[in-house]
C-alpha atoms as a PDB file:
ATOM      1  CA  MET A   1      98.564  81.606 179.367  1.00  0.00           C
ATOM      2  CA  GLU A   2      95.578  82.396 177.187  1.00  0.00           C
ATOM      3  CA  LEU A   3      95.165  85.800 175.572  1.00  0.00           C
ATOM      4  CA  THR A   4      91.814  87.302 176.647  1.00  0.00           C
ATOM      5  CA  ARG A   5      89.663  89.593 174.517  1.00  0.00           C
ATOM      6  CA  ARG A   6      90.622  92.572 176.709  1.00  0.00           C
ATOM      7  CA  GLY A   7      94.315  91.632 176.428  1.00  0.00           C
ATOM      8  CA  ALA A   8      94.053  91.405 172.629  1.00  0.00           C
ATOM      9  CA  ILE A   9      92.406  94.844 172.454  1.00  0.00           C
ATOM     10  CA  ARG A  10      95.122  96.352 174.663  1.00  0.00           C
ATOM     11  CA  LEU A  11      97.853  94.703 172.586  1.00  0.00           C
ATOM     12  CA  ALA A  12      96.322  95.976 169.334  1.00  0.00           C
ATOM     13  CA  GLY A  13      95.979  99.468 170.839  1.00  0.00           C
ATOM     14  CA  ALA A  14      99.621  99.525 171.952  1.00  0.00           C
ATOM     15  CA  ALA A  15     100.791  98.363 168.535  1.00  0.00           C
ATOM     16  CA  GLY A  16      98.602 100.979 166.823  1.00  0.00           C
ATOM     17  CA  LEU A  17      99.912 103.740 169.075  1.00  0.00           C
ATOM     18  CA  ALA A  18     103.503 102.733 168.349  1.00  0.00           C
ATOM     19  CA  ALA A  19     102.811 102.705 164.591  1.00  0.00           C
ATOM     20  CA  ALA A  20     100.978 106.057 164.703  1.00  0.00           C
ATOM     21  CA  THR A  21     103.774 107.802 166.607  1.00  0.00           C
ATOM     22  CA  GLY A  22     106.552 106.161 164.609  1.00  0.00           C
ATOM     23  CA  ALA A  23     107.993 104.666 167.777  1.00  0.00           C
ATOM     24  CA  VAL A  24     110.860 102.255 167.435  1.00  0.00           C
ATOM     25  CA  LEU A  25     110.180  99.349 169.754  1.00  0.00           C
ATOM     26  CA  ALA A  26     113.612  97.689 169.567  1.00  0.00           C
ATOM     27  CA  ALA A  27     116.202 100.401 169.019  1.00  0.00           C
ATOM     28  CA  ALA A  28     118.681  98.909 171.493  1.00  0.00           C
ATOM     29  CA  PRO A  29     119.962  95.332 171.581  1.00  0.00           C
ATOM     30  CA  ALA A  30     117.164  93.111 172.790  1.00  0.00           C
ATOM     31  CA  SER A  31     117.187  91.888 176.345  1.00  0.00           C
ATOM     32  CA  PRO A  32     115.893  88.395 175.756  1.00  0.00           C
ATOM     33  CA  ALA A  33     113.867  88.222 178.975  1.00  0.00           C
ATOM     34  CA  GLN A  34     111.218  90.840 178.270  1.00  0.00           C
ATOM     35  CA  ALA A  35     108.520  88.214 177.584  1.00  0.00           C
ATOM     36  CA  ALA A  36     108.257  84.555 176.622  1.00  0.00           C
ATOM     37  CA  GLN A  37     110.662  84.699 173.765  1.00  0.00           C
ATOM     38  CA  ASN A  38     111.972  82.839 170.752  1.00  0.00           C
ATOM     39  CA  GLY A  39     115.307  83.451 169.064  1.00  0.00           C
ATOM     40  CA  TRP A  40     117.312  81.030 171.199  1.00  0.00           C
ATOM     41  CA  ARG A  41     119.645  78.704 169.270  1.00  0.00           C
ATOM     42  CA  TRP A  42     121.824  75.653 169.793  1.00  0.00           C
ATOM     43  CA  CYS A  43     125.513  76.167 169.003  1.00  0.00           C
ATOM     44  CA  ARG A  44     126.940  73.137 167.192  1.00  0.00           C
ATOM     45  CA  GLN A  45     130.469  74.126 168.262  1.00  0.00           C
ATOM     46  CA  CYS A  46     130.042  74.261 172.064  1.00  0.00           C
ATOM     47  CA  GLN A  47     126.623  72.478 172.336  1.00  0.00           C
ATOM     48  CA  GLY A  48     125.330  75.444 174.402  1.00  0.00           C
ATOM     49  CA  LEU A  49     122.128  77.467 174.137  1.00  0.00           C
ATOM     50  CA  TRP A  50     122.522  81.127 173.157  1.00  0.00           C
ATOM     51  CA  PHE A  51     120.324  84.087 172.207  1.00  0.00           C
ATOM     52  CA  ALA A  52     120.545  84.940 168.500  1.00  0.00           C
ATOM     53  CA  GLY A  53     118.257  87.986 168.559  1.00  0.00           C
ATOM     54  CA  ASN A  54     121.067  90.525 168.908  1.00  0.00           C
ATOM     55  CA  PRO A  55     123.550  91.625 166.213  1.00  0.00           C
ATOM     56  CA  THR A  56     126.436  89.833 167.927  1.00  0.00           C
ATOM     57  CA  LEU A  57     127.098  86.080 167.785  1.00  0.00           C
ATOM     58  CA  GLY A  58     128.252  86.186 171.400  1.00  0.00           C
ATOM     59  CA  VAL A  59     131.371  84.449 172.637  1.00  0.00           C
ATOM     60  CA  CYS A  60     131.671  80.704 172.060  1.00  0.00           C
ATOM     61  CA  PRO A  61     134.151  78.703 174.177  1.00  0.00           C
ATOM     62  CA  TYR A  62     135.085  76.642 171.121  1.00  0.00           C
ATOM     63  CA  ARG A  63     138.646  77.585 170.250  1.00  0.00           C
ATOM     64  CA  GLY A  64     139.251  79.332 166.971  1.00  0.00           C
ATOM     65  CA  THR A  65     135.815  80.911 166.522  1.00  0.00           C
ATOM     66  CA  SER A  66     134.610  84.438 167.074  1.00  0.00           C
ATOM     67  CA  GLY A  67     131.049  83.545 168.001  1.00  0.00           C
ATOM     68  CA  HIS A  68     128.348  80.906 168.293  1.00  0.00           C
ATOM     69  CA  SER A  69     127.000  79.061 165.255  1.00  0.00           C
ATOM     70  CA  PHE A  70     123.287  78.565 164.571  1.00  0.00           C
ATOM     71  CA  VAL A  71     123.857  76.160 161.650  1.00  0.00           C
ATOM     72  CA  GLY A  72     121.487  73.215 162.070  1.00  0.00           C
ATOM     73  CA  SER A  73     119.646  74.748 165.020  1.00  0.00           C
ATOM     74  CA  SER A  74     115.939  75.076 165.660  1.00  0.00           C
ATOM     75  CA  ASN A  75     114.492  78.355 166.877  1.00  0.00           C
ATOM     76  CA  TYR A  76     113.731  77.745 170.566  1.00  0.00           C
ATOM     77  CA  SER A  77     111.283  79.649 172.753  1.00  0.00           C
ATOM     78  CA  LEU A  78     111.826  80.151 176.489  1.00  0.00           C
ATOM     79  CA  PRO A  79     109.097  81.156 178.944  1.00  0.00           C
ATOM     80  CA  THR A  80     109.851  83.816 181.519  1.00  0.00           C
ATOM     81  CA  ALA A  81     109.330  83.270 185.226  1.00  0.00           C
ATOM     82  CA  TYR A  82     107.382  86.506 185.571  1.00  0.00           C
ATOM     83  CA  PRO A  83     104.648  87.313 184.774  1.00  0.00           C
ATOM     84  CA  PHE A  84     103.895  84.044 182.963  1.00  0.00           C
ATOM     85  CA  ASP A  85     105.467  81.418 185.268  1.00  0.00           C
ATOM     86  CA  ASP A  86     105.029  78.758 182.579  1.00  0.00           C
ATOM     87  CA  GLY A  87     108.046  76.573 183.302  1.00  0.00           C
ATOM     88  CA  ASP A  88     109.054  74.271 186.130  1.00  0.00           C
ATOM     89  CA  GLN A  89     112.348  75.765 187.312  1.00  0.00           C
ATOM     90  CA  ASP A  90     112.983  79.492 187.683  1.00  0.00           C
ATOM     91  CA  GLY A  91     116.410  81.069 188.022  1.00  0.00           C
ATOM     92  CA  TRP A  92     117.774  80.960 184.467  1.00  0.00           C
ATOM     93  CA  PHE A  93     119.355  84.134 183.059  1.00  0.00           C
ATOM     94  CA  TRP A  94     120.720  85.497 179.772  1.00  0.00           C
ATOM     95  CA  CYS A  95     124.370  86.630 179.879  1.00  0.00           C
ATOM     96  CA  TYR A  96     124.997  89.721 177.744  1.00  0.00           C
ATOM     97  CA  ARG A  97     128.721  88.947 177.562  1.00  0.00           C
ATOM     98  CA  CYS A  98     128.477  85.555 175.831  1.00  0.00           C
ATOM     99  CA  GLU A  99     124.749  85.598 174.822  1.00  0.00           C
ATOM    100  CA  GLY A 100     124.333  82.242 176.643  1.00  0.00           C
ATOM    101  CA  LEU A 101     121.744  80.967 179.121  1.00  0.00           C
ATOM    102  CA  TYR A 102     122.942  80.038 182.603  1.00  0.00           C
ATOM    103  CA  TYR A 103     121.484  79.047 185.975  1.00  0.00           C
ATOM    104  CA  GLY A 104     122.035  81.794 188.533  1.00  0.00           C
ATOM    105  CA  LEU A 105     120.587  80.521 191.817  1.00  0.00           C
ATOM    106  CA  ASN A 106     123.487  78.328 192.997  1.00  0.00           C
ATOM    107  CA  GLY A 107     125.476  81.080 194.703  1.00  0.00           C
ATOM    108  CA  THR A 108     127.706  81.345 191.627  1.00  0.00           C
ATOM    109  CA  ASN A 109     127.187  82.726 188.150  1.00  0.00           C
ATOM    110  CA  GLY A 110     129.509  80.111 186.668  1.00  0.00           C
ATOM    111  CA  ALA A 111     132.243  80.568 184.088  1.00  0.00           C
ATOM    112  CA  CYS A 112     131.564  82.806 181.099  1.00  0.00           C
ATOM    113  CA  PRO A 113     133.557  82.169 177.894  1.00  0.00           C
ATOM    114  CA  ALA A 114     133.947  85.955 177.582  1.00  0.00           C
ATOM    115  CA  GLY A 115     135.938  85.961 180.841  1.00  0.00           C
ATOM    116  CA  ARG A 116     134.949  86.271 184.486  1.00  0.00           C
ATOM    117  CA  ALA A 117     131.508  85.026 185.535  1.00  0.00           C
ATOM    118  CA  HIS A 118     128.221  85.259 183.639  1.00  0.00           C
ATOM    119  CA  SER A 119     126.280  88.489 184.178  1.00  0.00           C
ATOM    120  CA  ALA A 120     122.507  88.866 184.543  1.00  0.00           C
ATOM    121  CA  ASP A 121     122.649  92.604 183.733  1.00  0.00           C
ATOM    122  CA  GLY A 122     119.718  93.400 181.433  1.00  0.00           C
ATOM    123  CA  SER A 123     118.137  89.958 181.821  1.00  0.00           C
ATOM    124  CA  GLY A 124     114.828  88.883 183.249  1.00  0.00           C
ATOM    125  CA  VAL A 125     114.326  85.467 184.819  1.00  0.00           C
ATOM    126  CA  TYR A 126     113.585  82.455 182.639  1.00  0.00           C
ATOM    127  CA  SER A 127     111.742  79.322 183.712  1.00  0.00           C
ATOM    128  CA  LEU A 128     112.564  75.972 182.074  1.00  0.00           C
ATOM    129  CA  TYR A 129     110.678  72.679 181.931  1.00  0.00           C
ATOM    130  CA  LYS A 130     112.634  70.133 183.979  1.00  0.00           C
ATOM    131  CA  ASP A 131     111.871  66.392 184.080  1.00  0.00           C
ATOM    132  CA  ASN A 132     108.328  67.112 182.865  1.00  0.00           C
ATOM    133  CA  PRO A 133     106.949  64.335 180.618  1.00  0.00           C
ATOM    134  CA  TYR A 134     103.711  66.268 179.983  1.00  0.00           C
ATOM    135  CA  VAL A 135     105.375  69.048 178.017  1.00  0.00           C
ATOM    136  CA  GLY A 136     106.338  68.699 174.367  1.00  0.00           C
ATOM    137  CA  GLY A 137     109.557  69.968 172.902  1.00  0.00           C
ATOM    138  CA  GLN A 138     113.084  68.690 172.564  1.00  0.00           C
ATOM    139  CA  VAL A 139     114.535  66.698 175.471  1.00  0.00           C
ATOM    140  CA  ASN A 140     118.137  66.091 176.537  1.00  0.00           C
ATOM    141  CA  TRP A 141     119.068  69.660 177.413  1.00  0.00           C
ATOM    142  CA  ARG A 142     121.241  69.627 180.535  1.00  0.00           C
ATOM    143  CA  TRP A 143     122.635  72.010 183.126  1.00  0.00           C
ATOM    144  CA  CYS A 144     126.426  71.992 183.451  1.00  0.00           C
ATOM    145  CA  ARG A 145     127.478  72.310 187.104  1.00  0.00           C
ATOM    146  CA  GLN A 146     130.919  73.568 186.024  1.00  0.00           C
ATOM    147  CA  CYS A 147     129.930  76.615 183.938  1.00  0.00           C
ATOM    148  CA  GLN A 148     126.224  76.806 185.017  1.00  0.00           C
ATOM    149  CA  GLY A 149     125.195  76.894 181.323  1.00  0.00           C
ATOM    150  CA  LEU A 150     122.511  74.925 179.491  1.00  0.00           C
ATOM    151  CA  TRP A 151     123.816  72.535 176.825  1.00  0.00           C
ATOM    152  CA  PHE A 152     122.488  69.799 174.532  1.00  0.00           C
ATOM    153  CA  ALA A 153     123.531  66.288 175.614  1.00  0.00           C
ATOM    154  CA  GLY A 154     121.928  64.419 172.707  1.00  0.00           C
ATOM    155  CA  ASN A 155     125.115  64.315 170.641  1.00  0.00           C
ATOM    156  CA  PRO A 156     128.186  62.102 171.208  1.00  0.00           C
ATOM    157  CA  THR A 157     130.297  65.064 172.380  1.00  0.00           C
ATOM    158  CA  PRO A 158     130.040  66.828 175.767  1.00  0.00           C
ATOM    159  CA  GLY A 159     130.661  70.095 173.942  1.00  0.00           C
ATOM    160  CA  VAL A 160     133.119  72.756 174.994  1.00  0.00           C
ATOM    161  CA  CYS A 161     132.782  74.076 178.554  1.00  0.00           C
ATOM    162  CA  PRO A 162     134.537  77.326 179.503  1.00  0.00           C
ATOM    163  CA  ALA A 163     135.257  75.855 182.964  1.00  0.00           C
ATOM    164  CA  SER A 164     136.608  72.407 182.021  1.00  0.00           C
ATOM    165  CA  ALA A 165     138.794  70.974 179.274  1.00  0.00           C
ATOM    166  CA  ALA A 166     136.790  67.730 179.575  1.00  0.00           C
ATOM    167  CA  GLY A 167     133.601  69.407 178.327  1.00  0.00           C
ATOM    168  CA  HIS A 168     130.214  69.981 179.929  1.00  0.00           C
ATOM    169  CA  SER A 169     129.126  67.796 182.854  1.00  0.00           C
ATOM    170  CA  LEU A 170     125.879  65.824 183.266  1.00  0.00           C
ATOM    171  CA  ALA A 171     126.383  65.431 187.030  1.00  0.00           C
ATOM    172  CA  GLY A 172     123.375  66.602 189.035  1.00  0.00           C
ATOM    173  CA  SER A 173     121.367  67.752 186.031  1.00  0.00           C
ATOM    174  CA  GLY A 174     117.745  67.077 185.286  1.00  0.00           C
ATOM    175  CA  ASN A 175     116.411  66.579 181.769  1.00  0.00           C
ATOM    176  CA  TYR A 176     115.209  69.913 180.389  1.00  0.00           C
ATOM    177  CA  ARG A 177     112.772  70.369 177.482  1.00  0.00           C
ATOM    178  CA  LEU A 178     112.928  73.297 175.106  1.00  0.00           C
ATOM    179  CA  LEU A 179     110.031  74.296 172.885  1.00  0.00           C
ATOM    180  CA  ASP A 180     110.862  74.767 169.202  1.00  0.00           C
END
């Protein structure tokens, strides 16, 4: 989506108004689906994708840790399904409990490492590039049918899945690309 001249003027006006009034634009924890957004990270412990833009490290299913790790991770950007509709597959959500990304259009919200199922409370809808060779970015991100989460399958380990002791599953997944 290209920023038009009118859009740039409106954006500059909104930013100027916020600065003039002393408004705080992010006083509460960020809901990562307010716009196309960066701040998503790969967790080397569980291999999952999580949002690192909040003060918490979320809940990682890797035993013995209190949160996800961003050591060695790129800073990924995810498009939203609305109003941009930049990706190929809509229906991805941020879970405030674990800070992870999960697919929520299968009739289940999957298994959250924080307990119960993932929750889309406070999340918008993300749209990911699936099996699209015309988009740049990092390939080999996969959907896990067991926990519904997105995980990186480019390492020798299947990571740690909150729904299975065997790790994340490749079964039925396309090849997703994340922009970094």
